[in-house]
N, C-alpha and C. Protein backbone atom coordinates (compact mmCIF):
# COMPACT_ATOMS: atom_id res chain seq x y z
N MET A 1 90.20 170.15 92.92
CA MET A 1 89.23 170.21 93.99
C MET A 1 89.22 168.94 94.85
N GLU A 2 89.42 167.81 94.14
CA GLU A 2 89.40 166.53 94.83
C GLU A 2 90.43 166.44 95.91
N GLY A 3 91.60 166.96 95.68
CA GLY A 3 92.64 167.03 96.68
C GLY A 3 92.26 167.75 97.86
N ALA A 4 91.58 168.93 97.69
CA ALA A 4 91.08 169.69 98.78
C ALA A 4 90.09 168.94 99.72
N ASP A 5 89.23 168.23 98.88
CA ASP A 5 88.18 167.43 99.59
C ASP A 5 88.75 166.24 100.45
N ASP A 6 89.81 165.70 99.85
CA ASP A 6 90.58 164.60 100.61
C ASP A 6 91.24 165.08 101.88
N ILE A 7 91.84 166.30 101.80
CA ILE A 7 92.41 166.92 102.93
C ILE A 7 91.41 167.20 104.01
N TYR A 8 90.24 167.76 103.54
CA TYR A 8 89.19 168.15 104.47
C TYR A 8 88.67 166.86 105.19
N ARG A 9 88.44 165.79 104.43
CA ARG A 9 87.99 164.52 105.01
C ARG A 9 89.03 164.01 106.05
N ALA A 10 90.29 164.07 105.69
CA ALA A 10 91.30 163.52 106.62
C ALA A 10 91.32 164.36 107.85
N CYS A 11 91.24 165.67 107.79
CA CYS A 11 91.23 166.57 108.97
C CYS A 11 89.98 166.27 109.79
N SER A 12 88.77 166.11 109.11
CA SER A 12 87.55 165.88 109.90
C SER A 12 87.54 164.51 110.60
N LEU A 13 88.25 163.53 109.92
CA LEU A 13 88.37 162.23 110.56
C LEU A 13 89.23 162.30 111.80
N GLN A 14 90.29 163.07 111.69
CA GLN A 14 91.22 163.21 112.87
C GLN A 14 90.44 163.85 113.98
N ARG A 15 89.70 164.95 113.68
CA ARG A 15 88.88 165.62 114.74
C ARG A 15 87.85 164.72 115.32
N GLY A 16 87.15 163.97 114.49
CA GLY A 16 86.13 163.08 114.90
C GLY A 16 86.70 161.98 115.72
N GLY A 17 87.83 161.46 115.35
CA GLY A 17 88.49 160.31 116.04
C GLY A 17 88.87 160.76 117.39
N SER A 18 89.40 161.94 117.54
CA SER A 18 89.82 162.36 118.89
C SER A 18 88.64 162.58 119.73
N SER A 19 87.57 163.16 119.25
CA SER A 19 86.34 163.35 120.10
C SER A 19 85.76 162.06 120.46
N LEU A 20 85.83 161.06 119.50
CA LEU A 20 85.27 159.73 119.81
C LEU A 20 86.06 159.18 120.96
N TRP A 21 87.39 159.22 120.91
CA TRP A 21 88.25 158.66 121.99
C TRP A 21 87.87 159.39 123.34
N THR A 22 87.73 160.72 123.29
CA THR A 22 87.44 161.43 124.48
C THR A 22 86.08 160.98 125.02
N ASN A 23 85.14 160.81 124.14
CA ASN A 23 83.76 160.47 124.71
C ASN A 23 83.80 159.08 125.27
N ASN A 24 84.63 158.12 124.65
CA ASN A 24 84.70 156.78 125.28
C ASN A 24 85.29 156.84 126.67
N VAL A 25 86.35 157.69 126.80
CA VAL A 25 86.97 157.75 128.15
C VAL A 25 86.02 158.34 129.18
N SER A 26 85.38 159.39 128.84
CA SER A 26 84.41 159.99 129.78
C SER A 26 83.23 159.06 130.04
N ASP A 27 82.79 158.28 129.03
CA ASP A 27 81.68 157.31 129.30
C ASP A 27 82.10 156.25 130.26
N ALA A 28 83.38 155.82 130.19
CA ALA A 28 83.88 154.75 131.06
C ALA A 28 83.70 155.18 132.50
N PHE A 29 84.07 156.42 132.82
CA PHE A 29 83.96 156.87 134.14
C PHE A 29 82.57 157.20 134.54
N SER A 30 81.71 157.72 133.62
CA SER A 30 80.35 158.04 134.01
C SER A 30 79.58 156.79 134.19
N LYS A 31 79.84 155.69 133.56
CA LYS A 31 79.04 154.46 133.66
C LYS A 31 79.21 153.92 135.11
N SER A 32 80.44 154.05 135.67
CA SER A 32 80.61 153.49 137.07
C SER A 32 79.83 154.37 138.03
N SER A 33 79.79 155.65 137.83
CA SER A 33 78.94 156.46 138.76
C SER A 33 77.51 156.24 138.57
N ARG A 34 77.07 155.97 137.27
CA ARG A 34 75.66 155.65 137.09
C ARG A 34 75.31 154.38 137.72
N ASP A 35 76.25 153.39 137.68
CA ASP A 35 75.99 152.09 138.35
C ASP A 35 75.83 152.25 139.87
N GLU A 36 76.69 153.10 140.47
CA GLU A 36 76.57 153.36 141.83
C GLU A 36 75.23 154.05 142.18
N ASP A 37 74.87 154.98 141.35
CA ASP A 37 73.59 155.69 141.56
C ASP A 37 72.41 154.79 141.40
N ASP A 38 72.46 153.84 140.51
CA ASP A 38 71.49 152.88 140.36
C ASP A 38 71.38 151.93 141.53
N GLU A 39 72.52 151.61 142.03
CA GLU A 39 72.52 150.68 143.25
C GLU A 39 71.90 151.35 144.48
N GLU A 40 72.30 152.70 144.59
CA GLU A 40 71.76 153.42 145.74
C GLU A 40 70.26 153.54 145.57
N ALA A 41 69.77 153.81 144.35
CA ALA A 41 68.35 153.96 144.07
C ALA A 41 67.56 152.69 144.41
N LEU A 42 68.18 151.51 144.08
CA LEU A 42 67.55 150.27 144.46
C LEU A 42 67.42 150.06 145.94
N LYS A 43 68.55 150.50 146.65
CA LYS A 43 68.49 150.36 148.13
C LYS A 43 67.35 151.21 148.66
N TRP A 44 67.18 152.46 148.17
CA TRP A 44 66.16 153.36 148.63
C TRP A 44 64.73 152.83 148.33
N ALA A 45 64.64 152.22 147.08
CA ALA A 45 63.40 151.63 146.74
C ALA A 45 63.03 150.39 147.68
N ALA A 46 64.04 149.61 148.13
CA ALA A 46 63.77 148.48 149.00
C ALA A 46 63.40 148.99 150.35
N LEU A 47 63.96 150.05 150.82
CA LEU A 47 63.58 150.67 152.12
C LEU A 47 62.23 151.26 152.01
N GLU A 48 61.81 151.83 150.99
CA GLU A 48 60.43 152.48 150.82
C GLU A 48 59.36 151.35 150.85
N ARG A 49 59.67 150.20 150.44
CA ARG A 49 58.69 149.13 150.46
C ARG A 49 58.47 148.54 151.84
N LEU A 50 59.34 148.84 152.74
CA LEU A 50 59.25 148.29 154.16
C LEU A 50 58.00 148.95 154.76
N PRO A 51 57.40 148.28 155.77
CA PRO A 51 56.32 148.95 156.49
C PRO A 51 56.85 150.20 157.23
N THR A 52 55.98 151.08 157.56
CA THR A 52 56.36 152.42 158.12
C THR A 52 57.20 152.30 159.37
N PHE A 53 56.88 151.34 160.30
CA PHE A 53 57.70 151.25 161.56
C PHE A 53 59.11 150.81 161.24
N ASN A 54 59.26 149.87 160.29
CA ASN A 54 60.63 149.45 159.96
C ASN A 54 61.41 150.48 159.22
N ARG A 55 60.64 151.28 158.47
CA ARG A 55 61.35 152.38 157.75
C ARG A 55 62.00 153.39 158.63
N LEU A 56 61.25 153.61 159.79
CA LEU A 56 61.77 154.53 160.74
C LEU A 56 63.03 154.03 161.44
N GLN A 57 63.21 152.72 161.44
CA GLN A 57 64.35 152.09 162.16
C GLN A 57 65.57 152.04 161.21
N LYS A 58 65.43 152.04 159.97
CA LYS A 58 66.56 151.85 159.05
C LYS A 58 66.75 153.11 158.21
N GLY A 59 67.94 153.26 157.66
CA GLY A 59 68.23 154.34 156.81
C GLY A 59 69.43 154.12 155.95
N LEU A 60 69.77 154.92 155.05
CA LEU A 60 70.95 154.78 154.26
C LEU A 60 71.82 156.00 154.58
N LEU A 61 73.11 155.67 154.92
CA LEU A 61 74.05 156.64 155.32
C LEU A 61 75.12 156.72 154.12
N ALA A 62 75.21 157.87 153.54
CA ALA A 62 76.14 158.04 152.40
C ALA A 62 77.52 158.31 152.93
N THR A 63 78.45 157.54 152.53
CA THR A 63 79.85 157.76 153.01
C THR A 63 80.75 157.74 151.71
N SER A 64 82.00 157.91 151.84
CA SER A 64 82.93 157.87 150.69
C SER A 64 82.92 156.49 150.01
N LYS A 65 82.64 155.53 150.74
CA LYS A 65 82.58 154.12 150.12
C LYS A 65 81.27 153.79 149.43
N GLY A 66 80.27 154.67 149.65
CA GLY A 66 78.97 154.50 148.99
C GLY A 66 77.84 154.54 150.13
N ALA A 67 76.73 154.20 149.78
CA ALA A 67 75.60 154.15 150.74
C ALA A 67 75.51 152.86 151.47
N ASN A 68 75.40 152.97 152.80
CA ASN A 68 75.26 151.80 153.62
C ASN A 68 74.03 151.85 154.45
N GLU A 69 73.40 150.67 154.57
CA GLU A 69 72.16 150.57 155.26
C GLU A 69 72.52 150.57 156.78
N ILE A 70 71.87 151.33 157.55
CA ILE A 70 72.15 151.43 158.97
C ILE A 70 70.87 151.25 159.79
N TYR A 71 70.95 150.81 161.05
CA TYR A 71 69.86 150.75 161.92
C TYR A 71 69.96 151.93 162.92
N ILE A 72 68.97 152.85 162.92
CA ILE A 72 69.13 153.98 163.72
C ILE A 72 69.20 153.72 165.24
N GLN A 73 68.44 152.72 165.65
CA GLN A 73 68.45 152.40 167.07
C GLN A 73 69.74 151.87 167.54
N LYS A 74 70.55 151.40 166.65
CA LYS A 74 71.81 150.71 167.05
C LYS A 74 72.94 151.67 167.00
N LEU A 75 72.73 152.94 166.61
CA LEU A 75 73.72 153.97 166.61
C LEU A 75 74.05 154.42 168.02
N GLY A 76 75.29 154.69 168.20
CA GLY A 76 75.77 155.24 169.49
C GLY A 76 75.42 156.73 169.65
N PHE A 77 75.61 157.22 170.80
CA PHE A 77 75.32 158.69 171.10
C PHE A 77 76.12 159.57 170.05
N HIS A 78 77.35 159.37 169.93
CA HIS A 78 78.18 160.25 169.03
C HIS A 78 77.76 160.10 167.59
N GLU A 79 77.46 158.85 167.21
CA GLU A 79 77.00 158.67 165.84
C GLU A 79 75.68 159.27 165.55
N ARG A 80 74.76 159.27 166.52
CA ARG A 80 73.46 159.96 166.35
C ARG A 80 73.64 161.44 166.24
N LYS A 81 74.49 161.94 167.17
CA LYS A 81 74.74 163.38 167.21
C LYS A 81 75.29 163.79 165.85
N GLY A 82 76.34 163.10 165.31
CA GLY A 82 76.90 163.48 164.09
C GLY A 82 75.92 163.40 162.92
N LEU A 83 75.04 162.42 162.95
CA LEU A 83 74.06 162.26 161.98
C LEU A 83 73.10 163.47 161.95
N LEU A 84 72.62 163.82 163.16
CA LEU A 84 71.70 164.98 163.27
C LEU A 84 72.35 166.27 162.86
N GLU A 85 73.63 166.44 163.15
CA GLU A 85 74.35 167.68 162.81
C GLU A 85 74.44 167.70 161.22
N ARG A 86 74.72 166.61 160.62
CA ARG A 86 74.81 166.58 159.16
C ARG A 86 73.45 166.91 158.54
N LEU A 87 72.40 166.44 159.08
CA LEU A 87 71.03 166.65 158.60
C LEU A 87 70.62 168.12 158.75
N ILE A 88 71.04 168.72 159.89
CA ILE A 88 70.67 170.09 160.15
C ILE A 88 71.53 170.95 159.24
N ASP A 89 72.77 170.68 158.93
CA ASP A 89 73.66 171.47 158.11
C ASP A 89 73.04 171.45 156.64
N VAL A 90 72.63 170.30 156.24
CA VAL A 90 72.06 170.21 154.92
C VAL A 90 70.81 171.03 154.75
N SER A 91 69.92 171.06 155.75
CA SER A 91 68.79 171.81 155.66
C SER A 91 69.05 173.28 155.72
N GLU A 92 69.95 173.67 156.51
CA GLU A 92 70.42 175.09 156.56
C GLU A 92 70.92 175.56 155.18
N GLU A 93 71.82 174.71 154.55
CA GLU A 93 72.32 175.09 153.27
C GLU A 93 71.17 175.14 152.27
N ASP A 94 70.22 174.22 152.33
CA ASP A 94 69.08 174.20 151.31
C ASP A 94 68.28 175.49 151.54
N ASN A 95 68.01 175.81 152.75
CA ASN A 95 67.23 177.10 153.04
C ASN A 95 67.94 178.31 152.56
N GLU A 96 69.26 178.35 152.83
CA GLU A 96 70.03 179.47 152.33
C GLU A 96 70.05 179.59 150.77
N LYS A 97 70.18 178.53 150.09
CA LYS A 97 70.15 178.53 148.62
C LYS A 97 68.78 179.02 148.15
N PHE A 98 67.73 178.54 148.80
CA PHE A 98 66.36 178.85 148.45
C PHE A 98 66.14 180.38 148.63
N LEU A 99 66.57 180.93 149.77
CA LEU A 99 66.35 182.30 150.09
C LEU A 99 67.19 183.23 149.09
N LYS A 100 68.35 182.72 148.79
CA LYS A 100 69.27 183.58 147.77
C LYS A 100 68.52 183.58 146.37
N LYS A 101 68.00 182.44 145.96
CA LYS A 101 67.28 182.43 144.61
C LYS A 101 66.04 183.28 144.69
N LEU A 102 65.30 183.18 145.88
CA LEU A 102 64.09 184.03 145.93
C LEU A 102 64.43 185.49 145.95
N LYS A 103 65.55 185.89 146.57
CA LYS A 103 65.94 187.31 146.66
C LYS A 103 66.30 187.75 145.24
N SER A 104 67.05 186.97 144.52
CA SER A 104 67.50 187.35 143.10
C SER A 104 66.29 187.42 142.19
N ARG A 105 65.26 186.61 142.44
CA ARG A 105 64.05 186.71 141.59
C ARG A 105 63.27 187.94 141.90
N ILE A 106 63.22 188.30 143.22
CA ILE A 106 62.50 189.56 143.55
C ILE A 106 63.21 190.75 143.10
N GLU A 107 64.55 190.74 143.10
CA GLU A 107 65.30 191.88 142.62
C GLU A 107 65.27 192.09 141.12
N ARG A 108 64.81 191.16 140.37
CA ARG A 108 64.73 191.30 138.91
C ARG A 108 63.62 192.16 138.51
């Protein structure tokens, strides 16, 4: 029986070791995204502490490079138009998702 226990322990160590390695790799990538999320949250918190008038003039624009602080009044016509279109698209998607969920709940 001791031989069977040794084999079982060896197999469980192999399985445990591979999952440990996999977890470490996934943690390495998730930590960088958490750091980016934390940095963006700090920027939002700093903007929220501004007086109301200043808050209306500044915003965070999410891009592929991360969130950048922008001054709304300094945006050009095309940049403002693009920003408004993005905001409208997001709100339409949110409304669509909400209505679909509501419909599915009613149908239950």
